[in-house]
Amino acid sequence: MRKADRGTEAPVWDVPVRLFHWSVVLLIALSWWSAEEGADRIHFWSGYTLLFLLLFRILWGLAGSSTARFSSFVRSPSAVLDYLRGGQFGQAGHTPLGGLSVVAMLLALLVQLMSGLFQIDDDDFVEGPLSGLVSYDTALLAHDVHEVSFNILLALIALHLLAIGYYQFIRRRSIVRPMLTGRAELPDGVPPMRPAPRGRLAACAAAALVLTAAILGAPSLI
């Protein structure tokens, strides 16, 4: 640990949150590439993995470490406005604005994945693994939603990158390094991340795997 003007370096992000973050970055890129190249099997398995990760993140947001929990960063609109007006935020983890960004990304990713499962793409003769559960017209609508939601997801990613640049070059504060190392400078008096018991990690991962298998069904994985 090192001492600086702004405070002390301390843990802020646990390993599951960091692995989720960087895995999603890689898998979204893989999903885009596989769709462009017509590598349908890779595209579907990338989506299946993203679904597992998203379900895990939702569970970890309920039972994980202190900074991973939704209760630590999902704030009211007034709290977000106060932060934008220059209010101070005295805790480890996401700011109110950062928390809003996380929720938007997770929701966009959820819509992207769900629409992909139910879609039918007549142009490329591709069917989602659950397209047989809905009508043909609904499956075509899911395809349109899948395309639009991906553009929304890209826009949110672009805003995220702009925020990273703002904090890096204007505020002189890196938000990438803590997501790599798990540690960041905290003002004096601000408590660091409180880790969750290890058993919860195994329980959340197992539950996410079971939920993923239940949603997809064994035949869709073959």
Protein backbone atom coordinates (compact mmCIF):
# COMPACT_ATOMS: atom_id res chain seq x y z
CA MET A 1 0.00 0.00 0.00
CA ARG A 2 1.20 3.53 -0.77
CA LYS A 3 0.33 6.87 0.62
CA ALA A 4 -0.64 9.75 -1.68
CA ASP A 5 -2.32 13.13 -1.50
CA ARG A 6 -5.67 11.67 -2.43
CA GLY A 7 -5.55 8.85 0.06
CA THR A 8 -4.48 5.24 0.27
CA GLU A 9 -4.45 2.52 -2.35
CA ALA A 10 -6.85 -0.25 -1.40
CA PRO A 11 -8.94 -3.06 -2.94
CA VAL A 12 -11.96 -1.84 -4.92
CA TRP A 13 -12.81 -4.63 -7.42
CA ASP A 14 -12.80 -8.37 -6.81
CA VAL A 15 -11.58 -10.99 -9.28
CA PRO A 16 -15.07 -12.08 -10.46
CA VAL A 17 -16.03 -8.51 -11.41
CA ARG A 18 -12.78 -7.98 -13.28
CA LEU A 19 -13.01 -11.32 -15.10
CA PHE A 20 -16.61 -10.55 -16.05
CA HIS A 21 -15.64 -7.14 -17.40
CA TRP A 22 -12.77 -8.27 -19.61
CA SER A 23 -14.49 -11.47 -20.72
CA VAL A 24 -17.48 -9.47 -21.93
CA VAL A 25 -15.16 -7.14 -23.84
CA LEU A 26 -13.56 -10.08 -25.65
CA LEU A 27 -16.81 -11.96 -26.25
CA ILE A 28 -18.65 -8.95 -27.69
CA ALA A 29 -15.77 -8.50 -30.13
CA LEU A 30 -15.90 -12.23 -30.96
CA SER A 31 -19.67 -12.10 -31.42
CA TRP A 32 -19.37 -9.18 -33.83
CA TRP A 33 -16.58 -10.86 -35.80
CA SER A 34 -18.35 -14.21 -36.02
CA ALA A 35 -21.57 -12.55 -37.20
CA GLU A 36 -19.70 -10.62 -39.89
CA GLU A 37 -17.86 -13.75 -41.04
CA GLY A 38 -20.90 -16.02 -40.93
CA ALA A 39 -19.27 -18.26 -38.30
CA ASP A 40 -22.63 -19.20 -36.83
CA ARG A 41 -21.48 -21.90 -34.38
CA ILE A 42 -18.83 -19.59 -32.90
CA HIS A 43 -21.43 -16.81 -32.73
CA PHE A 44 -23.91 -18.97 -30.84
CA TRP A 45 -21.34 -20.29 -28.38
CA SER A 46 -20.09 -16.78 -27.77
CA GLY A 47 -23.68 -15.81 -26.98
CA TYR A 48 -24.16 -18.81 -24.70
CA THR A 49 -21.04 -17.83 -22.76
CA LEU A 50 -22.22 -14.23 -22.51
CA LEU A 51 -25.56 -15.46 -21.19
CA PHE A 52 -23.82 -17.46 -18.46
CA LEU A 53 -21.65 -14.48 -17.55
CA LEU A 54 -24.62 -12.11 -17.44
CA LEU A 55 -26.62 -14.45 -15.20
CA PHE A 56 -23.59 -14.84 -12.95
CA ARG A 57 -23.13 -11.05 -12.78
CA ILE A 58 -26.76 -10.58 -11.79
CA LEU A 59 -26.40 -13.13 -9.00
CA TRP A 60 -23.05 -11.67 -7.95
CA GLY A 61 -24.72 -8.27 -7.87
CA LEU A 62 -27.03 -9.63 -5.20
CA ALA A 63 -24.61 -11.72 -3.13
CA GLY A 64 -21.07 -10.69 -4.09
CA SER A 65 -18.50 -8.33 -2.65
CA SER A 66 -19.56 -4.88 -1.49
CA THR A 67 -18.61 -3.00 -4.67
CA ALA A 68 -20.13 -5.68 -6.92
CA ARG A 69 -23.57 -5.38 -5.36
CA PHE A 70 -26.27 -3.40 -7.13
CA SER A 71 -27.19 -1.83 -3.80
CA SER A 72 -23.78 -0.12 -3.75
CA PHE A 73 -24.09 1.66 -7.12
CA VAL A 74 -27.72 1.77 -8.27
CA ARG A 75 -28.73 5.25 -7.20
CA SER A 76 -31.78 7.47 -7.56
CA PRO A 77 -31.97 10.06 -10.39
CA SER A 78 -31.49 12.82 -7.83
CA ALA A 79 -28.24 11.23 -6.63
CA VAL A 80 -26.98 11.07 -10.21
CA LEU A 81 -27.89 14.74 -10.76
CA ASP A 82 -26.18 15.76 -7.52
CA TYR A 83 -23.03 13.95 -8.64
CA LEU A 84 -23.14 15.66 -12.05
CA ARG A 85 -23.41 19.02 -10.30
CA GLY A 86 -20.10 18.33 -8.58
CA GLY A 87 -21.20 16.47 -5.51
CA GLN A 88 -18.72 14.26 -3.69
CA PHE A 89 -19.03 10.49 -3.64
CA GLY A 90 -17.39 8.97 -0.62
CA GLN A 91 -17.26 5.24 -1.19
CA ALA A 92 -15.31 2.64 -3.14
CA GLY A 93 -16.69 1.36 -6.43
CA HIS A 94 -18.89 2.92 -9.07
CA THR A 95 -20.00 6.52 -8.84
CA PRO A 96 -23.75 7.18 -9.30
CA LEU A 97 -23.11 8.01 -12.96
CA GLY A 98 -20.88 4.97 -13.40
CA GLY A 99 -23.55 2.79 -11.80
CA LEU A 100 -26.11 4.12 -14.25
CA SER A 101 -23.77 3.18 -17.09
CA VAL A 102 -23.35 -0.35 -15.73
CA VAL A 103 -27.12 -0.87 -15.46
CA ALA A 104 -27.64 0.42 -19.01
CA MET A 105 -24.94 -1.91 -20.35
CA LEU A 106 -26.33 -4.95 -18.54
CA LEU A 107 -29.86 -4.23 -19.77
CA ALA A 108 -28.66 -3.73 -23.36
CA LEU A 109 -26.69 -6.96 -23.17
CA LEU A 110 -29.74 -8.79 -21.79
CA VAL A 111 -31.93 -7.57 -24.67
CA GLN A 112 -29.20 -8.50 -27.16
CA LEU A 113 -28.91 -12.03 -25.81
CA MET A 114 -32.63 -12.70 -25.41
CA SER A 115 -33.47 -11.44 -28.90
CA GLY A 116 -30.66 -13.59 -30.32
CA LEU A 117 -32.10 -16.71 -28.72
CA PHE A 118 -35.54 -16.18 -30.29
CA GLN A 119 -34.62 -14.67 -33.64
CA ILE A 120 -34.91 -15.97 -37.19
CA ASP A 121 -32.71 -14.43 -39.88
CA ASP A 122 -34.24 -15.23 -43.26
CA ASP A 123 -31.36 -13.65 -45.17
CA ASP A 124 -28.70 -15.95 -43.73
CA PHE A 125 -31.01 -18.87 -42.85
CA VAL A 126 -30.03 -18.64 -39.18
CA GLU A 127 -32.39 -19.54 -36.35
CA GLY A 128 -31.89 -18.88 -32.68
CA PRO A 129 -32.03 -21.96 -30.43
CA LEU A 130 -35.39 -20.88 -28.95
CA SER A 131 -37.01 -19.54 -32.13
CA GLY A 132 -39.34 -22.54 -32.24
CA LEU A 133 -41.00 -21.38 -29.03
CA VAL A 134 -42.46 -18.23 -30.64
CA SER A 135 -44.37 -17.45 -33.80
CA TYR A 136 -42.57 -16.78 -37.07
CA ASP A 137 -43.48 -13.08 -36.99
CA THR A 138 -42.24 -12.77 -33.41
CA ALA A 139 -38.97 -14.45 -34.37
CA LEU A 140 -38.53 -11.98 -37.25
CA LEU A 141 -39.21 -9.12 -34.82
CA ALA A 142 -36.60 -10.58 -32.46
CA HIS A 143 -34.10 -10.44 -35.33
CA ASP A 144 -34.81 -6.73 -35.84
CA VAL A 145 -34.47 -6.12 -32.10
CA HIS A 146 -31.19 -8.08 -32.12
CA GLU A 147 -29.72 -5.78 -34.75
CA VAL A 148 -30.97 -2.55 -33.15
CA SER A 149 -29.92 -3.56 -29.65
CA PHE A 150 -26.39 -4.29 -30.85
CA ASN A 151 -26.13 -0.74 -32.22
CA ILE A 152 -27.37 0.56 -28.86
CA LEU A 153 -24.78 -1.60 -27.12
CA LEU A 154 -22.06 -0.16 -29.39
CA ALA A 155 -23.23 3.37 -28.55
CA LEU A 156 -23.03 2.61 -24.83
CA ILE A 157 -19.54 1.17 -25.30
CA ALA A 158 -18.51 4.35 -27.14
CA LEU A 159 -19.83 6.48 -24.26
CA HIS A 160 -17.92 4.25 -21.83
CA LEU A 161 -14.70 4.81 -23.80
CA LEU A 162 -15.31 8.56 -23.79
CA ALA A 163 -15.78 8.45 -20.02
CA ILE A 164 -12.51 6.55 -19.67
CA GLY A 165 -10.76 9.21 -21.74
CA TYR A 166 -12.34 12.01 -19.68
CA TYR A 167 -11.20 10.52 -16.39
CA GLN A 168 -7.75 9.67 -17.77
CA PHE A 169 -6.87 12.96 -19.46
CA ILE A 170 -9.10 15.57 -17.76
CA ARG A 171 -9.50 14.28 -14.23
CA ARG A 172 -6.05 12.59 -14.26
CA ARG A 173 -7.53 9.45 -12.77
CA SER A 174 -7.26 6.02 -14.35
CA ILE A 175 -10.33 3.81 -14.18
CA VAL A 176 -8.74 1.12 -16.35
CA ARG A 177 -5.87 0.23 -14.02
CA PRO A 178 -8.16 -0.60 -11.06
CA MET A 179 -10.15 -2.92 -13.34
CA LEU A 180 -6.86 -4.69 -14.08
CA THR A 181 -5.28 -4.72 -10.63
CA GLY A 182 -8.36 -4.52 -8.44
CA ARG A 183 -6.85 -1.64 -6.45
CA ALA A 184 -7.27 2.15 -6.53
CA GLU A 185 -6.60 5.22 -4.42
CA LEU A 186 -9.38 5.97 -1.96
CA PRO A 187 -9.77 9.16 0.07
CA ASP A 188 -8.83 8.79 3.70
CA GLY A 189 -11.72 7.43 5.71
CA VAL A 190 -13.39 5.66 2.77
CA PRO A 191 -13.62 1.90 3.47
CA PRO A 192 -12.25 -0.48 0.84
CA MET A 193 -14.15 -3.29 -0.83
CA ARG A 194 -15.49 -5.96 1.51
CA PRO A 195 -14.97 -9.35 -0.16
CA ALA A 196 -17.71 -11.96 -0.18
CA PRO A 197 -17.11 -15.45 1.25
CA ARG A 198 -15.58 -17.79 -1.32
CA GLY A 199 -18.48 -20.19 -1.07
CA ARG A 200 -20.78 -17.60 -2.59
CA LEU A 201 -18.63 -17.47 -5.73
CA ALA A 202 -19.04 -21.21 -6.30
CA ALA A 203 -22.75 -21.03 -5.51
CA CYS A 204 -23.38 -18.13 -7.91
CA ALA A 205 -21.34 -19.76 -10.69
CA ALA A 206 -23.17 -23.08 -10.26
CA ALA A 207 -26.57 -21.37 -10.20
CA ALA A 208 -25.72 -19.36 -13.33
CA LEU A 209 -24.66 -22.55 -15.12
CA VAL A 210 -27.89 -24.32 -14.17
CA LEU A 211 -29.98 -21.33 -15.27
CA THR A 212 -28.10 -21.12 -18.58
CA ALA A 213 -28.69 -24.81 -19.28
CA ALA A 214 -32.36 -24.47 -18.30
CA ILE A 215 -32.88 -21.48 -20.61
CA LEU A 216 -31.12 -23.03 -23.58
CA GLY A 217 -32.15 -26.63 -23.11
CA ALA A 218 -29.83 -29.52 -23.91
CA PRO A 219 -30.90 -29.89 -27.60
CA SER A 220 -29.85 -26.32 -28.42
CA LEU A 221 -26.27 -27.03 -27.36
CA ILE A 222 -25.78 -29.92 -29.76
